[in-house]
Amino acid sequence: MALLKGANIVTGLAIGIGAGVIAPMLAPILKPFAKSAIKAGLVAYDQARVAFAELNERTGDVMAEARAEVEEARKAAAEQPKSADQS
């Protein structure tokens, strides 16, 4: 059991040292891919922002129309008893 735990420490150290040696070699190769992924993320973010702004504007327009219709209905309801009393 103790030998197995020692092997895990040695394996972890070997992986850490290997990653430290290999990472500088892979960085120039992986940089263009990382850059492309970041660019794609920025484009997606900008498109989502525009879409959300359009949705917000449309929702505001619909709410304004609904409020106008409610106000018209209130005015019509308020005028209806007046015209019934005059007849």
PDB file of N, CA and C in Angstrom:
ATOM      1  N   MET A   1       0.822  -1.188   0.000  1.00  0.00           N
ATOM      2  CA  MET A   1       0.000   0.000   0.000  1.00  0.00           C
ATOM      3  C   MET A   1       0.870   1.258   0.000  1.00  0.00           C
ATOM      4  N   ALA A   2       1.913   1.257   0.822  1.00  0.00           N
ATOM      5  CA  ALA A   2       2.820   2.395   0.888  1.00  0.00           C
ATOM      6  C   ALA A   2       3.583   2.553  -0.423  1.00  0.00           C
ATOM      7  N   LEU A   3       3.907   1.443  -1.051  1.00  0.00           N
ATOM      8  CA  LEU A   3       4.616   1.493  -2.322  1.00  0.00           C
ATOM      9  C   LEU A   3       3.731   2.109  -3.408  1.00  0.00           C
ATOM     10  N   LEU A   4       2.452   1.805  -3.364  1.00  0.00           N
ATOM     11  CA  LEU A   4       1.512   2.346  -4.347  1.00  0.00           C
ATOM     12  C   LEU A   4       1.363   3.854  -4.187  1.00  0.00           C
ATOM     13  N   LYS A   5       1.336   4.334  -2.947  1.00  0.00           N
ATOM     14  CA  LYS A   5       1.253   5.780  -2.718  1.00  0.00           C
ATOM     15  C   LYS A   5       2.525   6.469  -3.193  1.00  0.00           C
ATOM     16  N   GLY A   6       3.635   5.844  -3.011  1.00  0.00           N
ATOM     17  CA  GLY A   6       4.904   6.399  -3.486  1.00  0.00           C
ATOM     18  C   GLY A   6       4.930   6.474  -5.002  1.00  0.00           C
ATOM     19  N   ALA A   7       4.329   5.509  -5.667  1.00  0.00           N
ATOM     20  CA  ALA A   7       4.277   5.509  -7.127  1.00  0.00           C
ATOM     21  C   ALA A   7       3.406   6.653  -7.624  1.00  0.00           C
ATOM     22  N   ASN A   8       2.350   6.970  -6.891  1.00  0.00           N
ATOM     23  CA  ASN A   8       1.486   8.079  -7.296  1.00  0.00           C
ATOM     24  C   ASN A   8       2.229   9.410  -7.204  1.00  0.00           C
ATOM     25  N   ILE A   9       3.057   9.567  -6.196  1.00  0.00           N
ATOM     26  CA  ILE A   9       3.836  10.799  -6.056  1.00  0.00           C
ATOM     27  C   ILE A   9       4.862  10.897  -7.175  1.00  0.00           C
ATOM     28  N   VAL A  10       5.539   9.808  -7.458  1.00  0.00           N
ATOM     29  CA  VAL A  10       6.537   9.799  -8.528  1.00  0.00           C
ATOM     30  C   VAL A  10       5.876  10.060  -9.875  1.00  0.00           C
ATOM     31  N   THR A  11       4.726   9.449 -10.109  1.00  0.00           N
ATOM     32  CA  THR A  11       3.998   9.669 -11.370  1.00  0.00           C
ATOM     33  C   THR A  11       3.576  11.127 -11.491  1.00  0.00           C
ATOM     34  N   GLY A  12       3.070  11.691 -10.407  1.00  0.00           N
ATOM     35  CA  GLY A  12       2.675  13.097 -10.420  1.00  0.00           C
ATOM     36  C   GLY A  12       3.838  14.024 -10.693  1.00  0.00           C
ATOM     37  N   LEU A  13       4.970  13.751 -10.072  1.00  0.00           N
ATOM     38  CA  LEU A  13       6.154  14.570 -10.317  1.00  0.00           C
ATOM     39  C   LEU A  13       6.622  14.444 -11.764  1.00  0.00           C
ATOM     40  N   ALA A  14       6.598  13.236 -12.296  1.00  0.00           N
ATOM     41  CA  ALA A  14       7.025  13.025 -13.685  1.00  0.00           C
ATOM     42  C   ALA A  14       6.108  13.773 -14.645  1.00  0.00           C
ATOM     43  N   ILE A  15       4.822  13.729 -14.407  1.00  0.00           N
ATOM     44  CA  ILE A  15       3.870  14.448 -15.276  1.00  0.00           C
ATOM     45  C   ILE A  15       4.099  15.952 -15.161  1.00  0.00           C
ATOM     46  N   GLY A  16       4.298  16.457 -13.946  1.00  0.00           N
ATOM     47  CA  GLY A  16       4.536  17.893 -13.754  1.00  0.00           C
ATOM     48  C   GLY A  16       5.794  18.361 -14.440  1.00  0.00           C
ATOM     49  N   ILE A  17       6.860  17.620 -14.292  1.00  0.00           N
ATOM     50  CA  ILE A  17       8.138  17.988 -14.935  1.00  0.00           C
ATOM     51  C   ILE A  17       8.010  17.880 -16.452  1.00  0.00           C
ATOM     52  N   GLY A  18       7.351  16.832 -16.924  1.00  0.00           N
ATOM     53  CA  GLY A  18       7.154  16.666 -18.371  1.00  0.00           C
ATOM     54  C   GLY A  18       6.335  17.801 -18.963  1.00  0.00           C
ATOM     55  N   ALA A  19       5.286  18.192 -18.254  1.00  0.00           N
ATOM     56  CA  ALA A  19       4.462  19.308 -18.740  1.00  0.00           C
ATOM     57  C   ALA A  19       5.274  20.597 -18.760  1.00  0.00           C
ATOM     58  N   GLY A  20       6.122  20.786 -17.764  1.00  0.00           N
ATOM     59  CA  GLY A  20       6.965  21.976 -17.719  1.00  0.00           C
ATOM     60  C   GLY A  20       7.965  22.028 -18.854  1.00  0.00           C
ATOM     61  N   VAL A  21       8.421  20.872 -19.313  1.00  0.00           N
ATOM     62  CA  VAL A  21       9.388  20.812 -20.417  1.00  0.00           C
ATOM     63  C   VAL A  21       8.671  20.939 -21.760  1.00  0.00           C
ATOM     64  N   ILE A  22       7.529  20.294 -21.886  1.00  0.00           N
ATOM     65  CA  ILE A  22       6.814  20.260 -23.169  1.00  0.00           C
ATOM     66  C   ILE A  22       6.016  21.543 -23.428  1.00  0.00           C
ATOM     67  N   ALA A  23       5.512  22.177 -22.390  1.00  0.00           N
ATOM     68  CA  ALA A  23       4.661  23.366 -22.564  1.00  0.00           C
ATOM     69  C   ALA A  23       5.332  24.469 -23.385  1.00  0.00           C
ATOM     70  N   PRO A  24       6.573  24.829 -23.113  1.00  0.00           N
ATOM     71  CA  PRO A  24       7.197  25.881 -23.933  1.00  0.00           C
ATOM     72  C   PRO A  24       7.337  25.488 -25.411  1.00  0.00           C
ATOM     73  N   MET A  25       7.448  24.205 -25.674  1.00  0.00           N
ATOM     74  CA  MET A  25       7.554  23.761 -27.070  1.00  0.00           C
ATOM     75  C   MET A  25       6.198  23.817 -27.768  1.00  0.00           C
ATOM     76  N   LEU A  26       5.132  23.564 -27.028  1.00  0.00           N
ATOM     77  CA  LEU A  26       3.795  23.548 -27.624  1.00  0.00           C
ATOM     78  C   LEU A  26       3.156  24.934 -27.698  1.00  0.00           C
ATOM     79  N   ALA A  27       3.634  25.870 -26.900  1.00  0.00           N
ATOM     80  CA  ALA A  27       3.031  27.202 -26.849  1.00  0.00           C
ATOM     81  C   ALA A  27       2.976  27.878 -28.226  1.00  0.00           C
ATOM     82  N   PRO A  28       4.050  27.904 -28.999  1.00  0.00           N
ATOM     83  CA  PRO A  28       3.970  28.551 -30.312  1.00  0.00           C
ATOM     84  C   PRO A  28       2.999  27.848 -31.266  1.00  0.00           C
ATOM     85  N   ILE A  29       2.846  26.546 -31.093  1.00  0.00           N
ATOM     86  CA  ILE A  29       1.939  25.787 -31.957  1.00  0.00           C
ATOM     87  C   ILE A  29       0.486  26.034 -31.560  1.00  0.00           C
ATOM     88  N   LEU A  30       0.224  26.109 -30.254  1.00  0.00           N
ATOM     89  CA  LEU A  30      -1.139  26.258 -29.761  1.00  0.00           C
ATOM     90  C   LEU A  30      -1.634  27.700 -29.740  1.00  0.00           C
ATOM     91  N   LYS A  31      -0.728  28.669 -29.813  1.00  0.00           N
ATOM     92  CA  LYS A  31      -1.121  30.077 -29.741  1.00  0.00           C
ATOM     93  C   LYS A  31      -2.111  30.474 -30.841  1.00  0.00           C
ATOM     94  N   PRO A  32      -1.904  30.105 -32.123  1.00  0.00           N
ATOM     95  CA  PRO A  32      -2.883  30.484 -33.146  1.00  0.00           C
ATOM     96  C   PRO A  32      -4.270  29.873 -32.891  1.00  0.00           C
ATOM     97  N   PHE A  33      -4.308  28.658 -32.366  1.00  0.00           N
ATOM     98  CA  PHE A  33      -5.600  28.030 -32.069  1.00  0.00           C
ATOM     99  C   PHE A  33      -6.300  28.760 -30.926  1.00  0.00           C
ATOM    100  N   ALA A  34      -5.541  29.111 -29.915  1.00  0.00           N
ATOM    101  CA  ALA A  34      -6.120  29.846 -28.788  1.00  0.00           C
ATOM    102  C   ALA A  34      -6.620  31.215 -29.240  1.00  0.00           C
ATOM    103  N   LYS A  35      -5.841  31.856 -30.089  1.00  0.00           N
ATOM    104  CA  LYS A  35      -6.217  33.169 -30.610  1.00  0.00           C
ATOM    105  C   LYS A  35      -7.501  33.078 -31.429  1.00  0.00           C
ATOM    106  N   SER A  36      -7.623  32.042 -32.247  1.00  0.00           N
ATOM    107  CA  SER A  36      -8.830  31.840 -33.046  1.00  0.00           C
ATOM    108  C   SER A  36     -10.040  31.584 -32.159  1.00  0.00           C
ATOM    109  N   ALA A  37      -9.846  30.811 -31.113  1.00  0.00           N
ATOM    110  CA  ALA A  37     -10.947  30.532 -30.195  1.00  0.00           C
ATOM    111  C   ALA A  37     -11.402  31.803 -29.486  1.00  0.00           C
ATOM    112  N   ILE A  38     -10.459  32.646 -29.109  1.00  0.00           N
ATOM    113  CA  ILE A  38     -10.802  33.907 -28.450  1.00  0.00           C
ATOM    114  C   ILE A  38     -11.537  34.827 -29.418  1.00  0.00           C
ATOM    115  N   LYS A  39     -11.073  34.901 -30.663  1.00  0.00           N
ATOM    116  CA  LYS A  39     -11.747  35.723 -31.672  1.00  0.00           C
ATOM    117  C   LYS A  39     -13.172  35.243 -31.896  1.00  0.00           C
ATOM    118  N   ALA A  40     -13.355  33.930 -32.003  1.00  0.00           N
ATOM    119  CA  ALA A  40     -14.696  33.378 -32.200  1.00  0.00           C
ATOM    120  C   ALA A  40     -15.591  33.707 -31.007  1.00  0.00           C
ATOM    121  N   GLY A  41     -15.038  33.655 -29.822  1.00  0.00           N
ATOM    122  CA  GLY A  41     -15.803  34.006 -28.631  1.00  0.00           C
ATOM    123  C   GLY A  41     -16.215  35.466 -28.629  1.00  0.00           C
ATOM    124  N   LEU A  42     -15.309  36.345 -29.054  1.00  0.00           N
ATOM    125  CA  LEU A  42     -15.631  37.768 -29.123  1.00  0.00           C
ATOM    126  C   LEU A  42     -16.722  38.046 -30.153  1.00  0.00           C
ATOM    127  N   VAL A  43     -16.630  37.386 -31.300  1.00  0.00           N
ATOM    128  CA  VAL A  43     -17.651  37.562 -32.343  1.00  0.00           C
ATOM    129  C   VAL A  43     -19.006  37.070 -31.836  1.00  0.00           C
ATOM    130  N   ALA A  44     -19.010  35.921 -31.196  1.00  0.00           N
ATOM    131  CA  ALA A  44     -20.266  35.378 -30.660  1.00  0.00           C
ATOM    132  C   ALA A  44     -20.838  36.306 -29.594  1.00  0.00           C
ATOM    133  N   TYR A  45     -19.979  36.855 -28.754  1.00  0.00           N
ATOM    134  CA  TYR A  45     -20.432  37.787 -27.719  1.00  0.00           C
ATOM    135  C   TYR A  45     -21.060  39.036 -28.334  1.00  0.00           C
ATOM    136  N   ASP A  46     -20.399  39.603 -29.349  1.00  0.00           N
ATOM    137  CA  ASP A  46     -20.935  40.793 -30.010  1.00  0.00           C
ATOM    138  C   ASP A  46     -22.272  40.503 -30.675  1.00  0.00           C
ATOM    139  N   GLN A  47     -22.392  39.352 -31.330  1.00  0.00           N
ATOM    140  CA  GLN A  47     -23.660  38.995 -31.970  1.00  0.00           C
ATOM    141  C   GLN A  47     -24.759  38.794 -30.938  1.00  0.00           C
ATOM    142  N   ALA A  48     -24.424  38.197 -29.825  1.00  0.00           N
ATOM    143  CA  ALA A  48     -25.409  37.993 -28.763  1.00  0.00           C
ATOM    144  C   ALA A  48     -25.854  39.333 -28.180  1.00  0.00           C
ATOM    145  N   ARG A  49     -24.904  40.264 -28.034  1.00  0.00           N
ATOM    146  CA  ARG A  49     -25.257  41.595 -27.530  1.00  0.00           C
ATOM    147  C   ARG A  49     -26.222  42.304 -28.460  1.00  0.00           C
ATOM    148  N   VAL A  50     -25.962  42.230 -29.762  1.00  0.00           N
ATOM    149  CA  VAL A  50     -26.838  42.858 -30.743  1.00  0.00           C
ATOM    150  C   VAL A  50     -28.218  42.203 -30.723  1.00  0.00           C
ATOM    151  N   ALA A  51     -28.242  40.890 -30.679  1.00  0.00           N
ATOM    152  CA  ALA A  51     -29.520  40.173 -30.651  1.00  0.00           C
ATOM    153  C   ALA A  51     -30.311  40.527 -29.396  1.00  0.00           C
ATOM    154  N   PHE A  52     -29.637  40.629 -28.263  1.00  0.00           N
ATOM    155  CA  PHE A  52     -30.325  40.984 -27.026  1.00  0.00           C
ATOM    156  C   PHE A  52     -30.862  42.410 -27.100  1.00  0.00           C
ATOM    157  N   ALA A  53     -30.103  43.327 -27.691  1.00  0.00           N
ATOM    158  CA  ALA A  53     -30.560  44.708 -27.822  1.00  0.00           C
ATOM    159  C   ALA A  53     -31.805  44.777 -28.710  1.00  0.00           C
ATOM    160  N   GLU A  54     -31.806  44.012 -29.804  1.00  0.00           N
ATOM    161  CA  GLU A  54     -32.976  43.985 -30.684  1.00  0.00           C
ATOM    162  C   GLU A  54     -34.185  43.397 -29.961  1.00  0.00           C
ATOM    163  N   LEU A  55     -33.971  42.333 -29.216  1.00  0.00           N
ATOM    164  CA  LEU A  55     -35.055  41.721 -28.451  1.00  0.00           C
ATOM    165  C   LEU A  55     -35.599  42.702 -27.424  1.00  0.00           C
ATOM    166  N   ASN A  56     -34.716  43.416 -26.763  1.00  0.00           N
ATOM    167  CA  ASN A  56     -35.130  44.399 -25.769  1.00  0.00           C
ATOM    168  C   ASN A  56     -35.962  45.509 -26.425  1.00  0.00           C
ATOM    169  N   GLU A  57     -35.542  45.956 -27.592  1.00  0.00           N
ATOM    170  CA  GLU A  57     -36.273  47.005 -28.299  1.00  0.00           C
ATOM    171  C   GLU A  57     -37.657  46.519 -28.721  1.00  0.00           C
ATOM    172  N   ARG A  58     -37.725  45.313 -29.268  1.00  0.00           N
ATOM    173  CA  ARG A  58     -39.018  44.763 -29.683  1.00  0.00           C
ATOM    174  C   ARG A  58     -39.950  44.571 -28.497  1.00  0.00           C
ATOM    175  N   THR A  59     -39.399  44.107 -27.394  1.00  0.00           N
ATOM    176  CA  THR A  59     -40.211  43.914 -26.193  1.00  0.00           C
ATOM    177  C   THR A  59     -40.739  45.261 -25.699  1.00  0.00           C
ATOM    178  N   GLY A  60     -39.912  46.261 -25.738  1.00  0.00           N
ATOM    179  CA  GLY A  60     -40.352  47.599 -25.343  1.00  0.00           C
ATOM    180  C   GLY A  60     -41.451  48.115 -26.242  1.00  0.00           C
ATOM    181  N   ASP A  61     -41.336  47.868 -27.546  1.00  0.00           N
ATOM    182  CA  ASP A  61     -42.375  48.291 -28.488  1.00  0.00           C
ATOM    183  C   ASP A  61     -43.701  47.592 -28.205  1.00  0.00           C
ATOM    184  N   VAL A  62     -43.635  46.291 -27.960  1.00  0.00           N
ATOM    185  CA  VAL A  62     -44.859  45.534 -27.681  1.00  0.00           C
ATOM    186  C   VAL A  62     -45.492  46.022 -26.375  1.00  0.00           C
ATOM    187  N   MET A  63     -44.669  46.294 -25.372  1.00  0.00           N
ATOM    188  CA  MET A  63     -45.201  46.796 -24.104  1.00  0.00           C
ATOM    189  C   MET A  63     -45.848  48.163 -24.281  1.00  0.00           C
ATOM    190  N   ALA A  64     -45.250  49.021 -25.086  1.00  0.00           N
ATOM    191  CA  ALA A  64     -45.827  50.337 -25.331  1.00  0.00           C
ATOM    192  C   ALA A  64     -47.168  50.208 -26.058  1.00  0.00           C
ATOM    193  N   GLU A  65     -47.247  49.310 -27.029  1.00  0.00           N
ATOM    194  CA  GLU A  65     -48.515  49.083 -27.730  1.00  0.00           C
ATOM    195  C   GLU A  65     -49.578  48.551 -26.776  1.00  0.00           C
ATOM    196  N   ALA A  66     -49.193  47.624 -25.920  1.00  0.00           N
ATOM    197  CA  ALA A  66     -50.153  47.058 -24.967  1.00  0.00           C
ATOM    198  C   ALA A  66     -50.639  48.133 -24.000  1.00  0.00           C
ATOM    199  N   ARG A  67     -49.735  48.981 -23.520  1.00  0.00           N
ATOM    200  CA  ARG A  67     -50.141  50.061 -22.622  1.00  0.00           C
ATOM    201  C   ARG A  67     -51.095  51.022 -23.324  1.00  0.00           C
ATOM    202  N   ALA A  68     -50.821  51.339 -24.595  1.00  0.00           N
ATOM    203  CA  ALA A  68     -51.696  52.235 -25.344  1.00  0.00           C
ATOM    204  C   ALA A  68     -53.086  51.617 -25.505  1.00  0.00           C
ATOM    205  N   GLU A  69     -53.136  50.310 -25.774  1.00  0.00           N
ATOM    206  CA  GLU A  69     -54.435  49.643 -25.915  1.00  0.00           C
ATOM    207  C   GLU A  69     -55.192  49.613 -24.592  1.00  0.00           C
ATOM    208  N   VAL A  70     -54.484  49.395 -23.499  1.00  0.00           N
ATOM    209  CA  VAL A  70     -55.131  49.401 -22.183  1.00  0.00           C
ATOM    210  C   VAL A  70     -55.673  50.793 -21.884  1.00  0.00           C
ATOM    211  N   GLU A  71     -54.904  51.814 -22.192  1.00  0.00           N
ATOM    212  CA  GLU A  71     -55.362  53.191 -21.967  1.00  0.00           C
ATOM    213  C   GLU A  71     -56.583  53.516 -22.815  1.00  0.00           C
ATOM    214  N   GLU A  72     -56.582  53.069 -24.078  1.00  0.00           N
ATOM    215  CA  GLU A  72     -57.746  53.278 -24.942  1.00  0.00           C
ATOM    216  C   GLU A  72     -58.973  52.577 -24.377  1.00  0.00           C
ATOM    217  N   ALA A  73     -58.796  51.367 -23.870  1.00  0.00           N
ATOM    218  CA  ALA A  73     -59.915  50.624 -23.288  1.00  0.00           C
ATOM    219  C   ALA A  73     -60.441  51.332 -22.049  1.00  0.00           C
ATOM    220  N   ARG A  74     -59.555  51.890 -21.236  1.00  0.00           N
ATOM    221  CA  ARG A  74     -59.994  52.641 -20.051  1.00  0.00           C
ATOM    222  C   ARG A  74     -60.781  53.876 -20.450  1.00  0.00           C
ATOM    223  N   LYS A  75     -60.294  54.590 -21.456  1.00  0.00           N
ATOM    224  CA  LYS A  75     -61.007  55.782 -21.917  1.00  0.00           C
ATOM    225  C   LYS A  75     -62.370  55.412 -22.475  1.00  0.00           C
ATOM    226  N   ALA A  76     -62.428  54.337 -23.244  1.00  0.00           N
ATOM    227  CA  ALA A  76     -63.707  53.900 -23.811  1.00  0.00           C
ATOM    228  C   ALA A  76     -64.665  53.485 -22.708  1.00  0.00           C
ATOM    229  N   ALA A  77     -64.179  52.823 -21.691  1.00  0.00           N
ATOM    230  CA  ALA A  77     -65.030  52.399 -20.572  1.00  0.00           C
ATOM    231  C   ALA A  77     -65.501  53.609 -19.773  1.00  0.00           C
ATOM    232  N   ALA A  78     -64.657  54.614 -19.648  1.00  0.00           N
ATOM    233  CA  ALA A  78     -65.038  55.815 -18.915  1.00  0.00           C
ATOM    234  C   ALA A  78     -66.064  56.638 -19.688  1.00  0.00           C
ATOM    235  N   GLU A  79     -66.002  56.646 -20.998  1.00  0.00           N
ATOM    236  CA  GLU A  79     -66.932  57.418 -21.829  1.00  0.00           C
ATOM    237  C   GLU A  79     -68.263  56.701 -22.031  1.00  0.00           C
ATOM    238  N   GLN A  80     -68.286  55.405 -21.926  1.00  0.00           N
ATOM    239  CA  GLN A  80     -69.496  54.627 -22.182  1.00  0.00           C
ATOM    240  C   GLN A  80     -70.646  54.993 -21.241  1.00  0.00           C
ATOM    241  N   PRO A  81     -70.472  55.102 -19.953  1.00  0.00           N
ATOM    242  CA  PRO A  81     -71.598  55.475 -19.090  1.00  0.00           C
ATOM    243  C   PRO A  81     -72.097  56.892 -19.354  1.00  0.00           C
ATOM    244  N   LYS A  82     -71.218  57.796 -19.751  1.00  0.00           N
ATOM    245  CA  LYS A  82     -71.635  59.167 -20.055  1.00  0.00           C
ATOM    246  C   LYS A  82     -72.591  59.181 -21.237  1.00  0.00           C
ATOM    247  N   SER A  83     -72.265  58.451 -22.287  1.00  0.00           N
ATOM    248  CA  SER A  83     -73.134  58.463 -23.460  1.00  0.00           C
ATOM    249  C   SER A  83     -74.418  57.700 -23.180  1.00  0.00           C
ATOM    250  N   ALA A  84     -74.444  56.743 -22.279  1.00  0.00           N
ATOM    251  CA  ALA A  84     -75.678  56.027 -21.930  1.00  0.00           C
ATOM    252  C   ALA A  84     -76.574  56.925 -21.099  1.00  0.00           C
ATOM    253  N   ASP A  85     -76.025  57.804 -20.250  1.00  0.00           N
ATOM    254  CA  ASP A  85     -76.825  58.708 -19.447  1.00  0.00           C
ATOM    255  C   ASP A  85     -77.455  59.798 -20.299  1.00  0.00           C
ATOM    256  N   GLN A  86     -76.815  60.194 -21.365  1.00  0.00           N
ATOM    257  CA  GLN A  86     -77.299  61.280 -22.220  1.00  0.00           C
ATOM    258  C   GLN A  86     -78.442  60.806 -23.119  1.00  0.00           C
ATOM    259  N   SER A  87     -78.571  59.542 -23.381  1.00  0.00           N
ATOM    260  CA  SER A  87     -79.601  59.057 -24.306  1.00  0.00           C
ATOM    261  C   SER A  87     -80.946  59.093 -23.771  1.00  0.00           C
TER     262      SER A  87
END
